[in-house]
Protein backbone atom coordinates (compact mmCIF):
# COMPACT_ATOMS: atom_id res chain seq x y z
CA MET A 1 -0.03 0.02 -0.01
CA THR A 2 1.11 3.57 -0.61
CA GLU A 3 1.31 6.17 2.02
CA GLU A 4 -1.57 7.96 0.64
CA GLN A 5 -3.79 4.97 1.01
CA VAL A 6 -2.69 4.43 4.49
CA GLU A 7 -3.72 7.96 5.42
CA MET A 8 -6.68 7.70 3.64
CA LEU A 9 -7.75 4.52 5.59
CA GLN A 10 -6.61 5.98 8.89
CA ALA A 11 -8.75 9.03 8.03
CA MET A 12 -11.72 6.97 7.32
CA GLU A 13 -11.22 4.84 10.60
CA THR A 14 -11.29 8.11 12.62
CA ARG A 15 -14.35 9.20 10.87
CA LEU A 16 -16.18 5.92 11.55
CA THR A 17 -15.09 5.82 15.15
CA ILE A 18 -16.48 9.34 15.76
CA SER A 19 -19.68 8.53 13.85
CA GLN A 20 -20.04 5.10 16.03
CA ARG A 21 -19.78 7.25 19.16
CA GLY A 22 -22.43 9.52 18.06
CA HIS A 23 -24.88 6.83 17.12
CA TYR A 24 -24.33 5.12 20.50
CA ALA A 25 -24.93 8.46 22.37
CA THR A 26 -28.14 8.81 20.31
CA CYS A 27 -29.28 5.37 20.83
CA SER A 28 -28.76 5.85 24.74
CA PHE A 29 -30.78 9.16 24.54
CA PHE A 30 -33.69 7.63 22.70
CA LEU A 31 -33.55 4.47 24.92
CA THR A 32 -34.22 6.92 27.89
CA ILE A 33 -37.08 8.79 26.08
CA HIS A 34 -38.56 5.37 25.08
CA TYR A 35 -39.03 4.49 28.90
CA TRP A 36 -40.30 7.94 29.79
CA VAL A 37 -42.90 7.89 27.16
CA GLY A 38 -43.91 4.29 27.18
CA ILE A 39 -44.45 3.52 30.68
CA PRO A 40 -46.96 6.42 31.27
CA LEU A 41 -48.56 5.34 27.98
CA ILE A 42 -49.25 1.97 29.26
CA ILE A 43 -50.54 3.19 32.62
CA ILE A 44 -52.89 5.90 31.08
CA THR A 45 -54.23 3.35 28.44
CA THR A 46 -54.96 1.02 31.16
CA VAL A 47 -56.60 3.49 33.31
CA VAL A 48 -59.01 4.74 30.32
CA THR A 49 -59.79 1.18 29.22
CA ALA A 50 -60.71 0.44 32.81
CA LEU A 51 -62.88 3.55 33.44
CA SER A 52 -64.61 3.02 29.92
CA SER A 53 -65.20 -0.71 30.53
CA SER A 54 -66.32 -0.65 34.08
CA GLU A 55 -69.98 -0.56 34.85
CA THR A 56 -69.84 0.23 38.78
CA SER A 57 -71.76 2.87 40.27
CA SER A 58 -68.58 4.57 41.84
CA THR A 59 -67.00 4.70 38.31
CA LEU A 60 -70.29 6.11 36.90
CA ASP A 61 -70.39 8.84 39.57
CA VAL A 62 -66.78 9.83 38.63
CA PHE A 63 -67.88 10.02 35.02
CA ILE A 64 -71.02 12.27 35.90
CA GLN A 65 -69.12 14.63 38.15
CA PHE A 66 -65.99 14.93 36.01
CA PRO A 67 -66.86 13.72 32.53
CA TRP A 68 -63.78 15.30 31.13
CA ILE A 69 -61.37 12.79 32.94
CA ALA A 70 -61.48 9.97 30.54
CA THR A 71 -61.34 12.35 27.55
CA VAL A 72 -58.06 13.94 28.94
CA LEU A 73 -56.51 10.70 29.75
CA GLY A 74 -57.36 9.40 26.22
CA VAL A 75 -55.86 12.47 24.62
CA PHE A 76 -52.63 11.95 26.55
CA SER A 77 -52.68 8.35 25.72
CA THR A 78 -52.83 9.26 21.93
CA ILE A 79 -50.02 11.88 22.35
CA PHE A 80 -47.66 9.32 24.04
CA ALA A 81 -48.57 6.74 21.54
CA SER A 82 -47.57 9.05 18.48
CA LEU A 83 -44.46 9.93 20.45
CA GLN A 84 -43.42 6.36 20.94
CA VAL A 85 -43.20 5.56 17.09
């Protein structure tokens, strides 16, 4: 190999190492975001499903007094689901 080819390969290796570190840092960031969005999404979706499918009188009283609770939780679950993708 010529000296020019060796220099080119070393420069390429340096750029690839920098790129690899950047990808790893980005992966760590999005993994954290994934957990911060995914866990509340599961909790809110479970609560909305439980509230909408239960037929006990105490749940119906909550809906009569505060009808916006299920709507707000449904909107939050939709927003979290869109951020999860």
